[in-house]
All heavy atoms as atom14 arrays in JSON, in Angstrom:
{
  "sequence": "IIFHLGGKFVCADPLKPWTMRVMKCVNERRKRNAEQMG",
  "atom14_mask": [
    [1, 1, 1, 1, 1, 1, 1, 1, 0, 0, 0, 0, 0, 0],
    [1, 1, 1, 1, 1, 1, 1, 1, 0, 0, 0, 0, 0, 0],
    [1, 1, 1, 1, 1, 1, 1, 1, 1, 1, 1, 0, 0, 0],
    [1, 1, 1, 1, 1, 1, 1, 1, 1, 1, 0, 0, 0, 0],
    [1, 1, 1, 1, 1, 1, 1, 1, 0, 0, 0, 0, 0, 0],
    [1, 1, 1, 1, 0, 0, 0, 0, 0, 0, 0, 0, 0, 0],
    [1, 1, 1, 1, 0, 0, 0, 0, 0, 0, 0, 0, 0, 0],
    [1, 1, 1, 1, 1, 1, 1, 1, 1, 0, 0, 0, 0, 0],
    [1, 1, 1, 1, 1, 1, 1, 1, 1, 1, 1, 0, 0, 0],
    [1, 1, 1, 1, 1, 1, 1, 0, 0, 0, 0, 0, 0, 0],
    [1, 1, 1, 1, 1, 1, 0, 0, 0, 0, 0, 0, 0, 0],
    [1, 1, 1, 1, 1, 0, 0, 0, 0, 0, 0, 0, 0, 0],
    [1, 1, 1, 1, 1, 1, 1, 1, 0, 0, 0, 0, 0, 0],
    [1, 1, 1, 1, 1, 1, 1, 0, 0, 0, 0, 0, 0, 0],
    [1, 1, 1, 1, 1, 1, 1, 1, 0, 0, 0, 0, 0, 0],
    [1, 1, 1, 1, 1, 1, 1, 1, 1, 0, 0, 0, 0, 0],
    [1, 1, 1, 1, 1, 1, 1, 0, 0, 0, 0, 0, 0, 0],
    [1, 1, 1, 1, 1, 1, 1, 1, 1, 1, 1, 1, 1, 1],
    [1, 1, 1, 1, 1, 1, 1, 0, 0, 0, 0, 0, 0, 0],
    [1, 1, 1, 1, 1, 1, 1, 1, 0, 0, 0, 0, 0, 0],
    [1, 1, 1, 1, 1, 1, 1, 1, 1, 1, 1, 0, 0, 0],
    [1, 1, 1, 1, 1, 1, 1, 0, 0, 0, 0, 0, 0, 0],
    [1, 1, 1, 1, 1, 1, 1, 1, 0, 0, 0, 0, 0, 0],
    [1, 1, 1, 1, 1, 1, 1, 1, 1, 0, 0, 0, 0, 0],
    [1, 1, 1, 1, 1, 1, 0, 0, 0, 0, 0, 0, 0, 0],
    [1, 1, 1, 1, 1, 1, 1, 0, 0, 0, 0, 0, 0, 0],
    [1, 1, 1, 1, 1, 1, 1, 1, 0, 0, 0, 0, 0, 0],
    [1, 1, 1, 1, 1, 1, 1, 1, 1, 0, 0, 0, 0, 0],
    [1, 1, 1, 1, 1, 1, 1, 1, 1, 1, 1, 0, 0, 0],
    [1, 1, 1, 1, 1, 1, 1, 1, 1, 1, 1, 0, 0, 0],
    [1, 1, 1, 1, 1, 1, 1, 1, 1, 0, 0, 0, 0, 0],
    [1, 1, 1, 1, 1, 1, 1, 1, 1, 1, 1, 0, 0, 0],
    [1, 1, 1, 1, 1, 1, 1, 1, 0, 0, 0, 0, 0, 0],
    [1, 1, 1, 1, 1, 0, 0, 0, 0, 0, 0, 0, 0, 0],
    [1, 1, 1, 1, 1, 1, 1, 1, 1, 0, 0, 0, 0, 0],
    [1, 1, 1, 1, 1, 1, 1, 1, 1, 0, 0, 0, 0, 0],
    [1, 1, 1, 1, 1, 1, 1, 1, 0, 0, 0, 0, 0, 0],
    [1, 1, 1, 1, 0, 0, 0, 0, 0, 0, 0, 0, 0, 0]
  ],
  "atom14_positions": [
    [[-6.49, 0.62, 16.95], [-7.6, 1.19, 16.21], [-8.3, 0.04, 15.49], [-7.64, -0.71, 14.75], [-7.13, 2.25, 15.2], [-6.28, 3.35, 15.87], [-8.28, 2.86, 14.42], [-6.96, 4.09, 16.98], [0.0, 0.0, 0.0], [0.0, 0.0, 0.0], [0.0, 0.0, 0.0], [0.0, 0.0, 0.0], [0.0, 0.0, 0.0], [0.0, 0.0, 0.0]],
    [[-9.57, -0.1, 15.73], [-10.33, -1.17, 15.1], [-11.11, -0.6, 13.95], [-12.1, 0.15, 14.09], [-11.33, -1.83, 16.12], [-10.59, -2.27, 17.34], [-12.09, -2.98, 15.45], [-11.48, -2.75, 18.48], [0.0, 0.0, 0.0], [0.0, 0.0, 0.0], [0.0, 0.0, 0.0], [0.0, 0.0, 0.0], [0.0, 0.0, 0.0], [0.0, 0.0, 0.0]],
    [[-10.62, -0.85, 12.71], [-11.25, -0.33, 11.51], [-12.39, -1.23, 11.11], [-12.31, -2.48, 11.17], [-10.24, -0.23, 10.35], [-9.28, 0.92, 10.54], [-7.91, 0.63, 10.68], [-9.7, 2.24, 10.55], [-7.02, 1.67, 10.84], [-8.79, 3.28, 10.66], [-7.44, 2.96, 10.85], [0.0, 0.0, 0.0], [0.0, 0.0, 0.0], [0.0, 0.0, 0.0]],
    [[-13.56, -0.63, 10.71], [-14.71, -1.38, 10.26], [-14.7, -1.4, 8.72], [-14.71, -0.41, 8.08], [-16.0, -0.64, 10.68], [-16.05, -0.37, 12.13], [-17.16, 0.18, 12.75], [-15.12, -0.51, 13.13], [-16.93, 0.35, 14.05], [-15.71, -0.04, 14.26], [0.0, 0.0, 0.0], [0.0, 0.0, 0.0], [0.0, 0.0, 0.0], [0.0, 0.0, 0.0]],
    [[-14.62, -2.62, 8.16], [-14.61, -2.81, 6.7], [-15.78, -3.71, 6.39], [-15.74, -4.89, 6.71], [-13.33, -3.54, 6.3], [-12.03, -2.96, 6.72], [-10.92, -3.91, 6.36], [-11.81, -1.65, 5.99], [0.0, 0.0, 0.0], [0.0, 0.0, 0.0], [0.0, 0.0, 0.0], [0.0, 0.0, 0.0], [0.0, 0.0, 0.0], [0.0, 0.0, 0.0]],
    [[-16.8, -3.21, 5.8], [-17.95, -4.05, 5.44], [-18.39, -4.94, 6.58], [-18.87, -4.44, 7.6], [0.0, 0.0, 0.0], [0.0, 0.0, 0.0], [0.0, 0.0, 0.0], [0.0, 0.0, 0.0], [0.0, 0.0, 0.0], [0.0, 0.0, 0.0], [0.0, 0.0, 0.0], [0.0, 0.0, 0.0], [0.0, 0.0, 0.0], [0.0, 0.0, 0.0]],
    [[-18.16, -6.24, 6.47], [-18.62, -7.16, 7.52], [-17.52, -7.62, 8.39], [-17.7, -8.59, 9.2], [0.0, 0.0, 0.0], [0.0, 0.0, 0.0], [0.0, 0.0, 0.0], [0.0, 0.0, 0.0], [0.0, 0.0, 0.0], [0.0, 0.0, 0.0], [0.0, 0.0, 0.0], [0.0, 0.0, 0.0], [0.0, 0.0, 0.0], [0.0, 0.0, 0.0]],
    [[-16.31, -7.02, 8.38], [-15.25, -7.48, 9.26], [-14.55, -6.28, 9.89], [-14.72, -5.16, 9.55], [-14.26, -8.39, 8.52], [-13.44, -7.68, 7.47], [-12.48, -8.66, 6.82], [-11.47, -7.98, 5.96], [-10.45, -8.9, 5.47], [0.0, 0.0, 0.0], [0.0, 0.0, 0.0], [0.0, 0.0, 0.0], [0.0, 0.0, 0.0], [0.0, 0.0, 0.0]],
    [[-13.68, -6.62, 10.86], [-12.97, -5.66, 11.66], [-11.43, -5.98, 11.53], [-11.09, -7.12, 11.51], [-13.37, -5.66, 13.11], [-14.84, -5.41, 13.28], [-15.73, -6.48, 13.39], [-15.36, -4.13, 13.3], [-17.1, -6.27, 13.6], [-16.68, -3.88, 13.47], [-17.54, -4.96, 13.6], [0.0, 0.0, 0.0], [0.0, 0.0, 0.0], [0.0, 0.0, 0.0]],
    [[-10.65, -4.91, 11.4], [-9.23, -5.04, 11.29], [-8.54, -4.19, 12.35], [-8.88, -3.02, 12.5], [-8.77, -4.61, 9.85], [-7.23, -4.7, 9.74], [-9.39, -5.51, 8.77], [0.0, 0.0, 0.0], [0.0, 0.0, 0.0], [0.0, 0.0, 0.0], [0.0, 0.0, 0.0], [0.0, 0.0, 0.0], [0.0, 0.0, 0.0], [0.0, 0.0, 0.0]],
    [[-7.59, -4.78, 13.02], [-6.91, -4.07, 14.09], [-5.58, -3.45, 13.59], [-4.83, -4.18, 12.91], [-6.57, -5.04, 15.24], [-8.03, -5.87, 15.93], [0.0, 0.0, 0.0], [0.0, 0.0, 0.0], [0.0, 0.0, 0.0], [0.0, 0.0, 0.0], [0.0, 0.0, 0.0], [0.0, 0.0, 0.0], [0.0, 0.0, 0.0], [0.0, 0.0, 0.0]],
    [[-5.38, -2.2, 13.91], [-4.19, -1.44, 13.41], [-3.46, -0.81, 14.57], [-4.06, -0.46, 15.6], [-4.61, -0.43, 12.39], [0.0, 0.0, 0.0], [0.0, 0.0, 0.0], [0.0, 0.0, 0.0], [0.0, 0.0, 0.0], [0.0, 0.0, 0.0], [0.0, 0.0, 0.0], [0.0, 0.0, 0.0], [0.0, 0.0, 0.0], [0.0, 0.0, 0.0]],
    [[-2.14, -0.65, 14.41], [-1.3, 0.02, 15.44], [-1.61, 1.49, 15.38], [-1.43, 2.14, 14.31], [0.14, -0.3, 15.04], [1.12, 0.31, 16.08], [0.74, 1.14, 16.9], [2.29, -0.1, 16.04], [0.0, 0.0, 0.0], [0.0, 0.0, 0.0], [0.0, 0.0, 0.0], [0.0, 0.0, 0.0], [0.0, 0.0, 0.0], [0.0, 0.0, 0.0]],
    [[-2.04, 2.06, 16.47], [-2.39, 3.51, 16.48], [-1.2, 4.4, 16.28], [-1.38, 5.6, 15.97], [-3.03, 3.71, 17.87], [-2.55, 2.58, 18.69], [-2.25, 1.42, 17.77], [0.0, 0.0, 0.0], [0.0, 0.0, 0.0], [0.0, 0.0, 0.0], [0.0, 0.0, 0.0], [0.0, 0.0, 0.0], [0.0, 0.0, 0.0], [0.0, 0.0, 0.0]],
    [[0.03, 3.93, 16.4], [1.22, 4.76, 16.24], [1.72, 4.8, 14.83], [2.62, 5.57, 14.49], [2.28, 4.31, 17.2], [1.91, 4.33, 18.68], [3.06, 3.8, 19.54], [1.53, 5.73, 19.12], [0.0, 0.0, 0.0], [0.0, 0.0, 0.0], [0.0, 0.0, 0.0], [0.0, 0.0, 0.0], [0.0, 0.0, 0.0], [0.0, 0.0, 0.0]],
    [[1.21, 3.96, 13.94], [1.65, 3.94, 12.55], [1.11, 5.15, 11.79], [-0.1, 5.47, 11.9], [1.19, 2.66, 11.86], [1.83, 1.39, 12.43], [3.25, 1.23, 11.95], [3.78, -0.09, 12.45], [5.15, -0.23, 12.09], [0.0, 0.0, 0.0], [0.0, 0.0, 0.0], [0.0, 0.0, 0.0], [0.0, 0.0, 0.0], [0.0, 0.0, 0.0]],
    [[1.94, 5.78, 10.98], [1.45, 6.94, 10.2], [0.25, 6.62, 9.31], [-0.68, 7.41, 9.17], [2.67, 7.35, 9.37], [3.83, 6.82, 10.19], [3.37, 5.57, 10.81], [0.0, 0.0, 0.0], [0.0, 0.0, 0.0], [0.0, 0.0, 0.0], [0.0, 0.0, 0.0], [0.0, 0.0, 0.0], [0.0, 0.0, 0.0], [0.0, 0.0, 0.0]],
    [[0.25, 5.42, 8.66], [-0.9, 5.09, 7.74], [-2.17, 4.98, 8.56], [-3.28, 5.36, 8.03], [-0.61, 3.84, 6.96], [-0.71, 2.54, 7.69], [0.35, 1.84, 8.25], [-1.88, 1.77, 7.98], [-0.12, 0.75, 8.85], [-1.44, 0.65, 8.71], [-3.19, 1.96, 7.65], [-2.37, -0.29, 9.13], [-4.09, 0.99, 8.11], [-3.68, -0.12, 8.84]],
    [[-2.13, 4.48, 9.79], [-3.34, 4.39, 10.61], [-3.88, 5.76, 10.91], [-5.1, 5.98, 10.79], [-2.99, 3.69, 11.94], [-2.39, 2.37, 11.66], [-4.23, 3.5, 12.81], [0.0, 0.0, 0.0], [0.0, 0.0, 0.0], [0.0, 0.0, 0.0], [0.0, 0.0, 0.0], [0.0, 0.0, 0.0], [0.0, 0.0, 0.0], [0.0, 0.0, 0.0]],
    [[-3.01, 6.71, 11.24], [-3.47, 8.06, 11.49], [-4.05, 8.73, 10.27], [-5.03, 9.47, 10.37], [-2.29, 8.85, 12.09], [-1.86, 8.44, 13.45], [-0.58, 9.45, 14.14], [0.66, 8.22, 14.5], [0.0, 0.0, 0.0], [0.0, 0.0, 0.0], [0.0, 0.0, 0.0], [0.0, 0.0, 0.0], [0.0, 0.0, 0.0], [0.0, 0.0, 0.0]],
    [[-3.42, 8.43, 9.1], [-3.94, 9.02, 7.83], [-5.4, 8.49, 7.59], [-6.29, 9.25, 7.15], [-3.04, 8.68, 6.67], [-1.88, 9.57, 6.51], [-1.2, 9.41, 5.14], [-0.78, 8.03, 4.91], [0.37, 7.5, 5.25], [1.28, 8.22, 5.91], [0.65, 6.25, 4.93], [0.0, 0.0, 0.0], [0.0, 0.0, 0.0], [0.0, 0.0, 0.0]],
    [[-5.59, 7.19, 7.77], [-6.9, 6.59, 7.51], [-7.92, 7.17, 8.5], [-9.06, 7.5, 8.1], [-6.87, 5.05, 7.55], [-8.29, 4.5, 7.43], [-6.02, 4.5, 6.42], [0.0, 0.0, 0.0], [0.0, 0.0, 0.0], [0.0, 0.0, 0.0], [0.0, 0.0, 0.0], [0.0, 0.0, 0.0], [0.0, 0.0, 0.0], [0.0, 0.0, 0.0]],
    [[-7.53, 7.31, 9.75], [-8.46, 7.91, 10.74], [-8.85, 9.32, 10.32], [-10.02, 9.71, 10.41], [-7.82, 7.9, 12.11], [-7.69, 6.55, 12.74], [-6.73, 6.59, 14.3], [-7.78, 7.6, 15.31], [0.0, 0.0, 0.0], [0.0, 0.0, 0.0], [0.0, 0.0, 0.0], [0.0, 0.0, 0.0], [0.0, 0.0, 0.0], [0.0, 0.0, 0.0]],
    [[-7.85, 10.11, 9.88], [-8.13, 11.49, 9.47], [-9.06, 11.51, 8.3], [-10.0, 12.29, 8.21], [-6.8, 12.18, 9.13], [-6.97, 13.63, 8.74], [-5.61, 14.24, 8.4], [-5.84, 15.68, 7.94], [-4.59, 16.3, 7.52], [0.0, 0.0, 0.0], [0.0, 0.0, 0.0], [0.0, 0.0, 0.0], [0.0, 0.0, 0.0], [0.0, 0.0, 0.0]],
    [[-8.81, 10.6, 7.33], [-9.7, 10.53, 6.12], [-11.12, 10.21, 6.51], [-12.04, 10.83, 6.03], [-9.07, 9.48, 5.2], [-10.07, 9.18, 3.72], [0.0, 0.0, 0.0], [0.0, 0.0, 0.0], [0.0, 0.0, 0.0], [0.0, 0.0, 0.0], [0.0, 0.0, 0.0], [0.0, 0.0, 0.0], [0.0, 0.0, 0.0], [0.0, 0.0, 0.0]],
    [[-11.29, 9.22, 7.39], [-12.66, 8.85, 7.84], [-13.33, 9.99, 8.56], [-14.49, 10.31, 8.31], [-12.6, 7.6, 8.72], [-13.93, 7.3, 9.4], [-12.11, 6.35, 7.91], [0.0, 0.0, 0.0], [0.0, 0.0, 0.0], [0.0, 0.0, 0.0], [0.0, 0.0, 0.0], [0.0, 0.0, 0.0], [0.0, 0.0, 0.0], [0.0, 0.0, 0.0]],
    [[-12.57, 10.73, 9.41], [-13.14, 11.85, 10.13], [-13.57, 12.97, 9.13], [-14.61, 13.57, 9.32], [-12.11, 12.44, 11.13], [-11.86, 11.49, 12.3], [-12.65, 10.57, 12.56], [-10.75, 11.65, 12.93], [0.0, 0.0, 0.0], [0.0, 0.0, 0.0], [0.0, 0.0, 0.0], [0.0, 0.0, 0.0], [0.0, 0.0, 0.0], [0.0, 0.0, 0.0]],
    [[-12.73, 13.25, 8.12], [-13.09, 14.24, 7.12], [-14.37, 13.86, 6.37], [-15.23, 14.65, 6.03], [-11.93, 14.53, 6.2], [-10.78, 15.25, 6.88], [-9.52, 15.32, 6.04], [-9.46, 14.7, 4.96], [-8.6, 15.97, 6.5], [0.0, 0.0, 0.0], [0.0, 0.0, 0.0], [0.0, 0.0, 0.0], [0.0, 0.0, 0.0], [0.0, 0.0, 0.0]],
    [[-14.46, 12.56, 6.02], [-15.63, 12.07, 5.29], [-16.84, 12.25, 6.15], [-17.95, 12.65, 5.68], [-15.47, 10.61, 4.9], [-16.59, 10.08, 4.04], [-16.49, 8.62, 3.68], [-15.18, 8.06, 3.62], [-14.83, 6.89, 4.15], [-15.67, 6.16, 4.83], [-13.61, 6.44, 4.05], [0.0, 0.0, 0.0], [0.0, 0.0, 0.0], [0.0, 0.0, 0.0]],
    [[-16.78, 11.9, 7.43], [-17.91, 12.06, 8.37], [-18.34, 13.54, 8.45], [-19.54, 13.85, 8.45], [-17.52, 11.56, 9.78], [-17.5, 10.08, 9.88], [-17.12, 9.69, 11.31], [-17.08, 8.24, 11.46], [-16.44, 7.68, 12.49], [-15.8, 8.36, 13.38], [-16.46, 6.33, 12.58], [0.0, 0.0, 0.0], [0.0, 0.0, 0.0], [0.0, 0.0, 0.0]],
    [[-17.34, 14.42, 8.46], [-17.66, 15.85, 8.62], [-18.34, 16.33, 7.33], [-19.35, 17.05, 7.41], [-16.33, 16.64, 8.83], [-16.56, 18.07, 9.06], [-15.26, 18.78, 9.31], [-15.48, 20.28, 9.43], [-14.22, 21.01, 9.62], [0.0, 0.0, 0.0], [0.0, 0.0, 0.0], [0.0, 0.0, 0.0], [0.0, 0.0, 0.0], [0.0, 0.0, 0.0]],
    [[-17.85, 15.91, 6.15], [-18.46, 16.3, 4.86], [-19.93, 15.79, 4.82], [-20.82, 16.51, 4.42], [-17.66, 15.8, 3.68], [-16.51, 16.59, 3.29], [-15.93, 16.19, 1.96], [-15.76, 14.74, 1.75], [-14.66, 14.06, 2.07], [-13.63, 14.71, 2.59], [-14.56, 12.78, 1.86], [0.0, 0.0, 0.0], [0.0, 0.0, 0.0], [0.0, 0.0, 0.0]],
    [[-20.11, 14.53, 5.22], [-21.48, 13.97, 5.18], [-22.43, 14.7, 6.14], [-23.55, 14.97, 5.8], [-21.4, 12.5, 5.53], [-20.81, 11.62, 4.45], [-20.65, 12.05, 3.3], [-20.4, 10.46, 4.79], [0.0, 0.0, 0.0], [0.0, 0.0, 0.0], [0.0, 0.0, 0.0], [0.0, 0.0, 0.0], [0.0, 0.0, 0.0], [0.0, 0.0, 0.0]],
    [[-21.9, 15.08, 7.3], [-22.73, 15.81, 8.28], [-23.09, 17.19, 7.72], [-24.2, 17.65, 7.86], [-21.99, 15.95, 9.63], [0.0, 0.0, 0.0], [0.0, 0.0, 0.0], [0.0, 0.0, 0.0], [0.0, 0.0, 0.0], [0.0, 0.0, 0.0], [0.0, 0.0, 0.0], [0.0, 0.0, 0.0], [0.0, 0.0, 0.0], [0.0, 0.0, 0.0]],
    [[-22.14, 17.84, 7.05], [-22.37, 19.15, 6.47], [-23.45, 19.04, 5.34], [-24.31, 19.89, 5.21], [-21.1, 19.77, 5.95], [-20.18, 20.24, 7.06], [-18.78, 20.69, 6.54], [-18.53, 20.49, 5.32], [-17.96, 21.2, 7.36], [0.0, 0.0, 0.0], [0.0, 0.0, 0.0], [0.0, 0.0, 0.0], [0.0, 0.0, 0.0], [0.0, 0.0, 0.0]],
    [[-23.3, 18.02, 4.54], [-24.25, 17.81, 3.42], [-25.67, 17.54, 4.01], [-26.63, 18.05, 3.48], [-23.82, 16.64, 2.55], [-22.66, 16.95, 1.68], [-22.18, 15.77, 0.9], [-22.62, 14.66, 1.12], [-21.21, 16.01, -0.04], [0.0, 0.0, 0.0], [0.0, 0.0, 0.0], [0.0, 0.0, 0.0], [0.0, 0.0, 0.0], [0.0, 0.0, 0.0]],
    [[-25.75, 16.82, 5.08], [-27.03, 16.55, 5.7], [-27.61, 17.83, 6.26], [-28.79, 18.03, 6.18], [-26.92, 15.49, 6.79], [-26.58, 14.11, 6.3], [-27.81, 13.46, 5.15], [-29.14, 13.17, 6.23], [0.0, 0.0, 0.0], [0.0, 0.0, 0.0], [0.0, 0.0, 0.0], [0.0, 0.0, 0.0], [0.0, 0.0, 0.0], [0.0, 0.0, 0.0]],
    [[-26.77, 18.72, 6.82], [-27.22, 19.97, 7.32], [-27.77, 20.87, 6.23], [-28.83, 21.54, 6.37], [0.0, 0.0, 0.0], [0.0, 0.0, 0.0], [0.0, 0.0, 0.0], [0.0, 0.0, 0.0], [0.0, 0.0, 0.0], [0.0, 0.0, 0.0], [0.0, 0.0, 0.0], [0.0, 0.0, 0.0], [0.0, 0.0, 0.0], [0.0, 0.0, 0.0]]
  ]
}
């Protein structure tokens, strides 16, 4: 999983629980932002 942080990229193991938590958090934030835009 290549996480985008400001001006750099960080590679994470997709099987690590923390990686999955961060992906879920980013997905939820995207969904909230899309709903707000709607």
